[in-house]
Amino acid sequence: MRTDLGAEAGFPEGKPTCVTAGARTIAVFRVSGKTYALDNTCTHLGGPLCKGRLDGFVVQCPWHGSRFDVRSGQVVGPPARTPVKAYPVTVEAGRVWADLP
């Protein structure tokens, strides 16, 4: 389902942001002028990725240090072994939209 995550201006470059969409929380990242969305829950032990540290295209979970590529959700550093779900994002008329299940 196409979901409005908010105004593009509400997602600052290089700073993870939490968005509640229905019953789920989505971590939104703006890197190099492009916006990405992941499930907010780390696949290791459930840490909040929107509270993590962003370094380029990699977000680090604040709980145990697992690292994920925000473009794909792929694990790039342990202890997590399972990718985080990534969602397609579009920006139209100043609004950020994600395709959520």
PDB file of N, CA and C in Angstrom:
ATOM      1  N   MET A   1       0.846  -1.173   0.000  1.00  0.00           N
ATOM      2  CA  MET A   1       0.000   0.000   0.000  1.00  0.00           C
ATOM      3  C   MET A   1       0.896   1.244   0.000  1.00  0.00           C
ATOM      4  N   ARG A   2       0.605   2.161  -0.868  1.00  0.00           N
ATOM      5  CA  ARG A   2       1.354   3.410  -0.953  1.00  0.00           C
ATOM      6  C   ARG A   2       0.991   4.274   0.249  1.00  0.00           C
ATOM      7  N   THR A   3       2.015   4.638   1.037  1.00  0.00           N
ATOM      8  CA  THR A   3       1.786   5.345   2.295  1.00  0.00           C
ATOM      9  C   THR A   3       2.571   6.647   2.328  1.00  0.00           C
ATOM     10  N   ASP A   4       1.911   7.724   2.710  1.00  0.00           N
ATOM     11  CA  ASP A   4       2.545   9.040   2.853  1.00  0.00           C
ATOM     12  C   ASP A   4       3.311   9.058   4.181  1.00  0.00           C
ATOM     13  N   LEU A   5       4.629   9.209   4.095  1.00  0.00           N
ATOM     14  CA  LEU A   5       5.459   9.255   5.307  1.00  0.00           C
ATOM     15  C   LEU A   5       5.659  10.665   5.837  1.00  0.00           C
ATOM     16  N   GLY A   6       5.352  11.664   5.028  1.00  0.00           N
ATOM     17  CA  GLY A   6       5.472  13.043   5.496  1.00  0.00           C
ATOM     18  C   GLY A   6       6.148  13.943   4.487  1.00  0.00           C
ATOM     19  N   ALA A   7       6.313  15.186   4.874  1.00  0.00           N
ATOM     20  CA  ALA A   7       6.937  16.191   4.010  1.00  0.00           C
ATOM     21  C   ALA A   7       8.423  15.894   3.862  1.00  0.00           C
ATOM     22  N   GLU A   8       8.916  16.039   2.653  1.00  0.00           N
ATOM     23  CA  GLU A   8      10.338  15.803   2.375  1.00  0.00           C
ATOM     24  C   GLU A   8      11.225  16.650   3.287  1.00  0.00           C
ATOM     25  N   ALA A   9      10.793  17.846   3.606  1.00  0.00           N
ATOM     26  CA  ALA A   9      11.561  18.739   4.477  1.00  0.00           C
ATOM     27  C   ALA A   9      11.710  18.189   5.898  1.00  0.00           C
ATOM     28  N   GLY A  10      10.868  17.239   6.290  1.00  0.00           N
ATOM     29  CA  GLY A  10      10.924  16.655   7.624  1.00  0.00           C
ATOM     30  C   GLY A  10      11.978  15.569   7.777  1.00  0.00           C
ATOM     31  N   PHE A  11      12.715  15.278   6.700  1.00  0.00           N
ATOM     32  CA  PHE A  11      13.743  14.245   6.738  1.00  0.00           C
ATOM     33  C   PHE A  11      15.098  14.870   6.414  1.00  0.00           C
ATOM     34  N   PRO A  12      15.806  15.322   7.452  1.00  0.00           N
ATOM     35  CA  PRO A  12      17.082  16.001   7.224  1.00  0.00           C
ATOM     36  C   PRO A  12      18.163  15.053   6.692  1.00  0.00           C
ATOM     37  N   GLU A  13      18.999  15.574   5.850  1.00  0.00           N
ATOM     38  CA  GLU A  13      20.121  14.828   5.280  1.00  0.00           C
ATOM     39  C   GLU A  13      21.012  14.268   6.385  1.00  0.00           C
ATOM     40  N   GLY A  14      21.299  12.963   6.308  1.00  0.00           N
ATOM     41  CA  GLY A  14      22.241  12.331   7.224  1.00  0.00           C
ATOM     42  C   GLY A  14      21.754  12.056   8.627  1.00  0.00           C
ATOM     43  N   LYS A  15      20.442  12.230   8.876  1.00  0.00           N
ATOM     44  CA  LYS A  15      19.904  12.006  10.222  1.00  0.00           C
ATOM     45  C   LYS A  15      18.737  11.023  10.146  1.00  0.00           C
ATOM     46  N   PRO A  16      18.854   9.858  10.804  1.00  0.00           N
ATOM     47  CA  PRO A  16      17.733   8.908  10.807  1.00  0.00           C
ATOM     48  C   PRO A  16      16.486   9.524  11.446  1.00  0.00           C
ATOM     49  N   THR A  17      15.327   9.173  10.903  1.00  0.00           N
ATOM     50  CA  THR A  17      14.066   9.706  11.405  1.00  0.00           C
ATOM     51  C   THR A  17      13.070   8.562  11.585  1.00  0.00           C
ATOM     52  N   CYS A  18      12.297   8.600  12.672  1.00  0.00           N
ATOM     53  CA  CYS A  18      11.249   7.605  12.937  1.00  0.00           C
ATOM     54  C   CYS A  18       9.913   8.121  12.398  1.00  0.00           C
ATOM     55  N   VAL A  19       9.179   7.237  11.728  1.00  0.00           N
ATOM     56  CA  VAL A  19       7.850   7.563  11.232  1.00  0.00           C
ATOM     57  C   VAL A  19       6.908   6.416  11.595  1.00  0.00           C
ATOM     58  N   THR A  20       5.752   6.760  12.141  1.00  0.00           N
ATOM     59  CA  THR A  20       4.743   5.739  12.427  1.00  0.00           C
ATOM     60  C   THR A  20       3.759   5.704  11.268  1.00  0.00           C
ATOM     61  N   ALA A  21       3.606   4.510  10.695  1.00  0.00           N
ATOM     62  CA  ALA A  21       2.681   4.314   9.576  1.00  0.00           C
ATOM     63  C   ALA A  21       1.765   3.158   9.944  1.00  0.00           C
ATOM     64  N   GLY A  22       0.554   3.487  10.349  1.00  0.00           N
ATOM     65  CA  GLY A  22      -0.361   2.451  10.827  1.00  0.00           C
ATOM     66  C   GLY A  22       0.172   1.858  12.112  1.00  0.00           C
ATOM     67  N   ALA A  23       0.357   0.536  12.130  1.00  0.00           N
ATOM     68  CA  ALA A  23       0.830  -0.147  13.340  1.00  0.00           C
ATOM     69  C   ALA A  23       2.344  -0.350  13.335  1.00  0.00           C
ATOM     70  N   ARG A  24       3.018   0.142  12.321  1.00  0.00           N
ATOM     71  CA  ARG A  24       4.467  -0.095  12.247  1.00  0.00           C
ATOM     72  C   ARG A  24       5.265   1.197  12.315  1.00  0.00           C
ATOM     73  N   THR A  25       6.518   1.059  12.737  1.00  0.00           N
ATOM     74  CA  THR A  25       7.434   2.201  12.749  1.00  0.00           C
ATOM     75  C   THR A  25       8.462   1.973  11.650  1.00  0.00           C
ATOM     76  N   ILE A  26       8.677   2.993  10.858  1.00  0.00           N
ATOM     77  CA  ILE A  26       9.600   2.939   9.729  1.00  0.00           C
ATOM     78  C   ILE A  26      10.770   3.878  10.030  1.00  0.00           C
ATOM     79  N   ALA A  27      11.977   3.422   9.717  1.00  0.00           N
ATOM     80  CA  ALA A  27      13.166   4.264   9.822  1.00  0.00           C
ATOM     81  C   ALA A  27      13.405   4.873   8.443  1.00  0.00           C
ATOM     82  N   VAL A  28      13.487   6.194   8.397  1.00  0.00           N
ATOM     83  CA  VAL A  28      13.669   6.902   7.129  1.00  0.00           C
ATOM     84  C   VAL A  28      15.024   7.598   7.156  1.00  0.00           C
ATOM     85  N   PHE A  29      15.745   7.488   6.033  1.00  0.00           N
ATOM     86  CA  PHE A  29      17.092   8.041   5.925  1.00  0.00           C
ATOM     87  C   PHE A  29      17.198   8.852   4.649  1.00  0.00           C
ATOM     88  N   ARG A  30      17.811  10.016   4.731  1.00  0.00           N
ATOM     89  CA  ARG A  30      18.072  10.834   3.537  1.00  0.00           C
ATOM     90  C   ARG A  30      19.591  10.922   3.398  1.00  0.00           C
ATOM     91  N   VAL A  31      20.084  10.349   2.299  1.00  0.00           N
ATOM     92  CA  VAL A  31      21.527  10.298   2.057  1.00  0.00           C
ATOM     93  C   VAL A  31      21.799  10.739   0.622  1.00  0.00           C
ATOM     94  N   SER A  32      22.690  11.692   0.465  1.00  0.00           N
ATOM     95  CA  SER A  32      23.062  12.203  -0.862  1.00  0.00           C
ATOM     96  C   SER A  32      21.838  12.620  -1.672  1.00  0.00           C
ATOM     97  N   GLY A  33      20.862  13.228  -0.984  1.00  0.00           N
ATOM     98  CA  GLY A  33      19.676  13.754  -1.644  1.00  0.00           C
ATOM     99  C   GLY A  33      18.607  12.731  -1.978  1.00  0.00           C
ATOM    100  N   LYS A  34      18.823  11.469  -1.621  1.00  0.00           N
ATOM    101  CA  LYS A  34      17.841  10.422  -1.892  1.00  0.00           C
ATOM    102  C   LYS A  34      17.299   9.888  -0.574  1.00  0.00           C
ATOM    103  N   THR A  35      16.029   9.448  -0.581  1.00  0.00           N
ATOM    104  CA  THR A  35      15.374   8.996   0.643  1.00  0.00           C
ATOM    105  C   THR A  35      15.156   7.486   0.602  1.00  0.00           C
ATOM    106  N   TYR A  36      15.397   6.838   1.753  1.00  0.00           N
ATOM    107  CA  TYR A  36      15.291   5.386   1.886  1.00  0.00           C
ATOM    108  C   TYR A  36      14.452   5.062   3.121  1.00  0.00           C
ATOM    109  N   ALA A  37      13.787   3.896   3.093  1.00  0.00           N
ATOM    110  CA  ALA A  37      12.957   3.484   4.229  1.00  0.00           C
ATOM    111  C   ALA A  37      13.207   2.008   4.544  1.00  0.00           C
ATOM    112  N   LEU A  38      13.375   1.724   5.842  1.00  0.00           N
ATOM    113  CA  LEU A  38      13.570   0.362   6.339  1.00  0.00           C
ATOM    114  C   LEU A  38      12.616   0.108   7.486  1.00  0.00           C
ATOM    115  N   ASP A  39      12.315  -1.191   7.741  1.00  0.00           N
ATOM    116  CA  ASP A  39      11.670  -1.519   9.006  1.00  0.00           C
ATOM    117  C   ASP A  39      12.565  -0.959  10.097  1.00  0.00           C
ATOM    118  N   ASN A  40      11.985  -0.449  11.136  1.00  0.00           N
ATOM    119  CA  ASN A  40      12.757   0.183  12.201  1.00  0.00           C
ATOM    120  C   ASN A  40      13.399  -0.824  13.151  1.00  0.00           C
ATOM    121  N   THR A  41      13.069  -2.085  13.046  1.00  0.00           N
ATOM    122  CA  THR A  41      13.509  -3.085  14.013  1.00  0.00           C
ATOM    123  C   THR A  41      14.720  -3.867  13.522  1.00  0.00           C
ATOM    124  N   CYS A  42      15.821  -3.758  14.247  1.00  0.00           N
ATOM    125  CA  CYS A  42      17.027  -4.530  13.939  1.00  0.00           C
ATOM    126  C   CYS A  42      16.697  -6.012  14.012  1.00  0.00           C
ATOM    127  N   THR A  43      17.226  -6.787  13.066  1.00  0.00           N
ATOM    128  CA  THR A  43      16.931  -8.220  13.022  1.00  0.00           C
ATOM    129  C   THR A  43      17.750  -9.022  14.031  1.00  0.00           C
ATOM    130  N   HIS A  44      18.655  -8.386  14.752  1.00  0.00           N
ATOM    131  CA  HIS A  44      19.425  -9.094  15.777  1.00  0.00           C
ATOM    132  C   HIS A  44      18.579  -9.255  17.033  1.00  0.00           C
ATOM    133  N   LEU A  45      18.306  -8.155  17.734  1.00  0.00           N
ATOM    134  CA  LEU A  45      17.488  -8.229  18.950  1.00  0.00           C
ATOM    135  C   LEU A  45      16.468  -7.093  19.040  1.00  0.00           C
ATOM    136  N   GLY A  46      16.107  -6.512  17.899  1.00  0.00           N
ATOM    137  CA  GLY A  46      15.001  -5.568  17.871  1.00  0.00           C
ATOM    138  C   GLY A  46      15.306  -4.128  18.188  1.00  0.00           C
ATOM    139  N   GLY A  47      16.557  -3.723  18.122  1.00  0.00           N
ATOM    140  CA  GLY A  47      16.897  -2.323  18.399  1.00  0.00           C
ATOM    141  C   GLY A  47      16.270  -1.372  17.391  1.00  0.00           C
ATOM    142  N   PRO A  48      16.042  -0.116  17.794  1.00  0.00           N
ATOM    143  CA  PRO A  48      15.406   0.875  16.918  1.00  0.00           C
ATOM    144  C   PRO A  48      16.418   1.523  15.962  1.00  0.00           C
ATOM    145  N   LEU A  49      16.359   1.172  14.699  1.00  0.00           N
ATOM    146  CA  LEU A  49      17.328   1.696  13.738  1.00  0.00           C
ATOM    147  C   LEU A  49      17.234   3.205  13.552  1.00  0.00           C
ATOM    148  N   CYS A  50      16.062   3.773  13.769  1.00  0.00           N
ATOM    149  CA  CYS A  50      15.927   5.231  13.614  1.00  0.00           C
ATOM    150  C   CYS A  50      16.658   5.983  14.733  1.00  0.00           C
ATOM    151  N   LYS A  51      17.118   5.270  15.736  1.00  0.00           N
ATOM    152  CA  LYS A  51      17.912   5.878  16.813  1.00  0.00           C
ATOM    153  C   LYS A  51      19.403   5.583  16.622  1.00  0.00           C
ATOM    154  N   GLY A  52      19.729   4.909  15.513  1.00  0.00           N
ATOM    155  CA  GLY A  52      21.108   4.519  15.252  1.00  0.00           C
ATOM    156  C   GLY A  52      21.932   5.640  14.642  1.00  0.00           C
ATOM    157  N   ARG A  53      23.210   5.321  14.437  1.00  0.00           N
ATOM    158  CA  ARG A  53      24.141   6.278  13.839  1.00  0.00           C
ATOM    159  C   ARG A  53      24.240   5.987  12.349  1.00  0.00           C
ATOM    160  N   LEU A  54      24.140   7.024  11.542  1.00  0.00           N
ATOM    161  CA  LEU A  54      24.208   6.892  10.098  1.00  0.00           C
ATOM    162  C   LEU A  54      25.578   7.356   9.628  1.00  0.00           C
ATOM    163  N   ASP A  55      26.250   6.501   8.866  1.00  0.00           N
ATOM    164  CA  ASP A  55      27.566   6.821   8.306  1.00  0.00           C
ATOM    165  C   ASP A  55      27.504   6.500   6.817  1.00  0.00           C
ATOM    166  N   GLY A  56      27.316   7.513   6.010  1.00  0.00           N
ATOM    167  CA  GLY A  56      27.104   7.287   4.580  1.00  0.00           C
ATOM    168  C   GLY A  56      25.805   6.533   4.381  1.00  0.00           C
ATOM    169  N   PHE A  57      25.877   5.388   3.701  1.00  0.00           N
ATOM    170  CA  PHE A  57      24.685   4.578   3.443  1.00  0.00           C
ATOM    171  C   PHE A  57      24.493   3.476   4.477  1.00  0.00           C
ATOM    172  N   VAL A  58      25.228   3.525   5.579  1.00  0.00           N
ATOM    173  CA  VAL A  58      25.162   2.463   6.587  1.00  0.00           C
ATOM    174  C   VAL A  58      24.627   3.003   7.906  1.00  0.00           C
ATOM    175  N   VAL A  59      23.596   2.313   8.431  1.00  0.00           N
ATOM    176  CA  VAL A  59      23.062   2.652   9.750  1.00  0.00           C
ATOM    177  C   VAL A  59      23.522   1.583  10.726  1.00  0.00           C
ATOM    178  N   GLN A  60      23.933   2.039  11.912  1.00  0.00           N
ATOM    179  CA  GLN A  60      24.373   1.119  12.957  1.00  0.00           C
ATOM    180  C   GLN A  60      23.341   1.097  14.071  1.00  0.00           C
ATOM    181  N   CYS A  61      22.884  -0.108  14.424  1.00  0.00           N
ATOM    182  CA  CYS A  61      21.913  -0.271  15.503  1.00  0.00           C
ATOM    183  C   CYS A  61      22.523   0.228  16.815  1.00  0.00           C
ATOM    184  N   PRO A  62      21.768   1.014  17.576  1.00  0.00           N
ATOM    185  CA  PRO A  62      22.305   1.566  18.822  1.00  0.00           C
ATOM    186  C   PRO A  62      22.455   0.539  19.943  1.00  0.00           C
ATOM    187  N   TRP A  63      21.833  -0.625  19.798  1.00  0.00           N
ATOM    188  CA  TRP A  63      21.884  -1.603  20.888  1.00  0.00           C
ATOM    189  C   TRP A  63      23.132  -2.465  20.860  1.00  0.00           C
ATOM    190  N   HIS A  64      23.411  -3.130  19.732  1.00  0.00           N
ATOM    191  CA  HIS A  64      24.528  -4.073  19.695  1.00  0.00           C
ATOM    192  C   HIS A  64      25.462  -3.868  18.512  1.00  0.00           C
ATOM    193  N   GLY A  65      25.229  -2.812  17.721  1.00  0.00           N
ATOM    194  CA  GLY A  65      26.165  -2.460  16.663  1.00  0.00           C
ATOM    195  C   GLY A  65      25.975  -3.108  15.309  1.00  0.00           C
ATOM    196  N   SER A  66      24.908  -3.880  15.107  1.00  0.00           N
ATOM    197  CA  SER A  66      24.662  -4.431  13.771  1.00  0.00           C
ATOM    198  C   SER A  66      24.578  -3.282  12.779  1.00  0.00           C
ATOM    199  N   ARG A  67      25.059  -3.524  11.558  1.00  0.00           N
ATOM    200  CA  ARG A  67      25.056  -2.470  10.547  1.00  0.00           C
ATOM    201  C   ARG A  67      24.329  -2.943   9.295  1.00  0.00           C
ATOM    202  N   PHE A  68      23.553  -2.019   8.720  1.00  0.00           N
ATOM    203  CA  PHE A  68      22.723  -2.317   7.556  1.00  0.00           C
ATOM    204  C   PHE A  68      22.890  -1.229   6.500  1.00  0.00           C
ATOM    205  N   ASP A  69      22.856  -1.631   5.239  1.00  0.00           N
ATOM    206  CA  ASP A  69      22.862  -0.687   4.127  1.00  0.00           C
ATOM    207  C   ASP A  69      21.438  -0.154   3.982  1.00  0.00           C
ATOM    208  N   VAL A  70      21.264   1.155   4.097  1.00  0.00           N
ATOM    209  CA  VAL A  70      19.907   1.733   4.051  1.00  0.00           C
ATOM    210  C   VAL A  70      19.279   1.622   2.665  1.00  0.00           C
ATOM    211  N   ARG A  71      20.073   1.390   1.632  1.00  0.00           N
ATOM    212  CA  ARG A  71      19.538   1.274   0.273  1.00  0.00           C
ATOM    213  C   ARG A  71      18.847  -0.053   0.046  1.00  0.00           C
ATOM    214  N   SER A  72      19.292  -1.097   0.751  1.00  0.00           N
ATOM    215  CA  SER A  72      18.780  -2.440   0.487  1.00  0.00           C
ATOM    216  C   SER A  72      18.330  -3.197   1.728  1.00  0.00           C
ATOM    217  N   GLY A  73      18.769  -2.743   2.913  1.00  0.00           N
ATOM    218  CA  GLY A  73      18.485  -3.460   4.147  1.00  0.00           C
ATOM    219  C   GLY A  73      19.462  -4.592   4.422  1.00  0.00           C
ATOM    220  N   GLN A  74      20.412  -4.805   3.522  1.00  0.00           N
ATOM    221  CA  GLN A  74      21.381  -5.895   3.678  1.00  0.00           C
ATOM    222  C   GLN A  74      22.296  -5.664   4.876  1.00  0.00           C
ATOM    223  N   VAL A  75      22.656  -6.749   5.541  1.00  0.00           N
ATOM    224  CA  VAL A  75      23.581  -6.695   6.671  1.00  0.00           C
ATOM    225  C   VAL A  75      24.982  -6.423   6.129  1.00  0.00           C
ATOM    226  N   VAL A  76      25.663  -5.447   6.719  1.00  0.00           N
ATOM    227  CA  VAL A  76      27.054  -5.170   6.352  1.00  0.00           C
ATOM    228  C   VAL A  76      27.979  -5.300   7.557  1.00  0.00           C
ATOM    229  N   GLY A  77      27.417  -5.606   8.724  1.00  0.00           N
ATOM    230  CA  GLY A  77      28.215  -5.815   9.921  1.00  0.00           C
ATOM    231  C   GLY A  77      27.433  -6.556  10.985  1.00  0.00           C
ATOM    232  N   PRO A  78      28.076  -7.558  11.628  1.00  0.00           N
ATOM    233  CA  PRO A  78      27.400  -8.358  12.654  1.00  0.00           C
ATOM    234  C   PRO A  78      27.121  -7.545  13.917  1.00  0.00           C
ATOM    235  N   PRO A  79      26.318  -8.093  14.835  1.00  0.00           N
ATOM    236  CA  PRO A  79      25.943  -9.492  14.956  1.00  0.00           C
ATOM    237  C   PRO A  79      24.715  -9.923  14.142  1.00  0.00           C
ATOM    238  N   ALA A  80      23.947  -9.028  13.563  1.00  0.00           N
ATOM    239  CA  ALA A  80      22.787  -9.440  12.757  1.00  0.00           C
ATOM    240  C   ALA A  80      23.250 -10.268  11.565  1.00  0.00           C
ATOM    241  N   ARG A  81      22.407 -11.210  11.162  1.00  0.00           N
ATOM    242  CA  ARG A  81      22.691 -12.043   9.991  1.00  0.00           C
ATOM    243  C   ARG A  81      21.595 -11.934   8.935  1.00  0.00           C
ATOM    244  N   THR A  82      20.439 -11.434   9.349  1.00  0.00           N
ATOM    245  CA  THR A  82      19.275 -11.349   8.471  1.00  0.00           C
ATOM    246  C   THR A  82      19.052  -9.897   8.055  1.00  0.00           C
ATOM    247  N   PRO A  83      18.816  -9.644   6.774  1.00  0.00           N
ATOM    248  CA  PRO A  83      18.554  -8.274   6.325  1.00  0.00           C
ATOM    249  C   PRO A  83      17.296  -7.692   6.957  1.00  0.00           C
ATOM    250  N   VAL A  84      17.223  -6.381   6.963  1.00  0.00           N
ATOM    251  CA  VAL A  84      16.031  -5.647   7.385  1.00  0.00           C
ATOM    252  C   VAL A  84      15.215  -5.380   6.123  1.00  0.00           C
ATOM    253  N   LYS A  85      13.900  -5.418   6.238  1.00  0.00           N
ATOM    254  CA  LYS A  85      13.031  -5.157   5.089  1.00  0.00           C
ATOM    255  C   LYS A  85      13.181  -3.701   4.643  1.00  0.00           C
ATOM    256  N   ALA A  86      13.481  -3.524   3.360  1.00  0.00           N
ATOM    257  CA  ALA A  86      13.574  -2.192   2.755  1.00  0.00           C
ATOM    258  C   ALA A  86      12.328  -1.957   1.909  1.00  0.00           C
ATOM    259  N   TYR A  87      11.879  -0.716   1.857  1.00  0.00           N
ATOM    260  CA  TYR A  87      10.668  -0.367   1.107  1.00  0.00           C
ATOM    261  C   TYR A  87      10.996   0.642   0.019  1.00  0.00           C
ATOM    262  N   PRO A  88      10.404   0.474  -1.174  1.00  0.00           N
ATOM    263  CA  PRO A  88      10.590   1.459  -2.242  1.00  0.00           C
ATOM    264  C   PRO A  88      10.021   2.814  -1.815  1.00  0.00           C
ATOM    265  N   VAL A  89      10.763   3.871  -2.122  1.00  0.00           N
ATOM    266  CA  VAL A  89      10.363   5.229  -1.746  1.00  0.00           C
ATOM    267  C   VAL A  89      10.332   6.111  -2.993  1.00  0.00           C
ATOM    268  N   THR A  90       9.318   6.973  -3.059  1.00  0.00           N
ATOM    269  CA  THR A  90       9.257   8.001  -4.092  1.00  0.00           C
ATOM    270  C   THR A  90       8.985   9.341  -3.417  1.00  0.00           C
ATOM    271  N   VAL A  91       9.422  10.400  -4.059  1.00  0.00           N
ATOM    272  CA  VAL A  91       9.151  11.748  -3.569  1.00  0.00           C
ATOM    273  C   VAL A  91       8.368  12.466  -4.663  1.00  0.00           C
ATOM    274  N   GLU A  92       7.186  12.941  -4.301  1.00  0.00           N
ATOM    275  CA  GLU A  92       6.323  13.648  -5.245  1.00  0.00           C
ATOM    276  C   GLU A  92       5.740  14.872  -4.574  1.00  0.00           C
ATOM    277  N   ALA A  93       5.877  15.999  -5.255  1.00  0.00           N
ATOM    278  CA  ALA A  93       5.301  17.257  -4.779  1.00  0.00           C
ATOM    279  C   ALA A  93       5.676  17.545  -3.337  1.00  0.00           C
ATOM    280  N   GLY A  94       6.925  17.254  -2.980  1.00  0.00           N
ATOM    281  CA  GLY A  94       7.406  17.555  -1.635  1.00  0.00           C
ATOM    282  C   GLY A  94       6.982  16.569  -0.557  1.00  0.00           C
ATOM    283  N   ARG A  95       6.354  15.454  -0.941  1.00  0.00           N
ATOM    284  CA  ARG A  95       5.918  14.424   0.012  1.00  0.00           C
ATOM    285  C   ARG A  95       6.704  13.144  -0.227  1.00  0.00           C
ATOM    286  N   VAL A  96       7.012  12.421   0.845  1.00  0.00           N
ATOM    287  CA  VAL A  96       7.722  11.153   0.756  1.00  0.00           C
ATOM    288  C   VAL A  96       6.706  10.019   0.871  1.00  0.00           C
ATOM    289  N   TRP A  97       6.731   9.109  -0.106  1.00  0.00           N
ATOM    290  CA  TRP A  97       5.799   7.984  -0.157  1.00  0.00           C
ATOM    291  C   TRP A  97       6.588   6.686  -0.140  1.00  0.00           C
ATOM    292  N   ALA A  98       6.107   5.689   0.634  1.00  0.00           N
ATOM    293  CA  ALA A  98       6.723   4.365   0.653  1.00  0.00           C
ATOM    294  C   ALA A  98       5.674   3.316   0.302  1.00  0.00           C
ATOM    295  N   ASP A  99       6.117   2.274  -0.381  1.00  0.00           N
ATOM    296  CA  ASP A  99       5.235   1.153  -0.699  1.00  0.00           C
ATOM    297  C   ASP A  99       5.352   0.142   0.427  1.00  0.00           C
ATOM    298  N   LEU A 100       4.379   0.155   1.333  1.00  0.00           N
ATOM    299  CA  LEU A 100       4.374  -0.740   2.495  1.00  0.00           C
ATOM    300  C   LEU A 100       3.359  -1.856   2.284  1.00  0.00           C
ATOM    301  N   PRO A 101       3.638  -3.042   2.823  1.00  0.00           N
ATOM    302  CA  PRO A 101       2.680  -4.151   2.668  1.00  0.00           C
ATOM    303  C   PRO A 101       1.403  -3.904   3.463  1.00  0.00           C
TER     304      PRO A 101
END
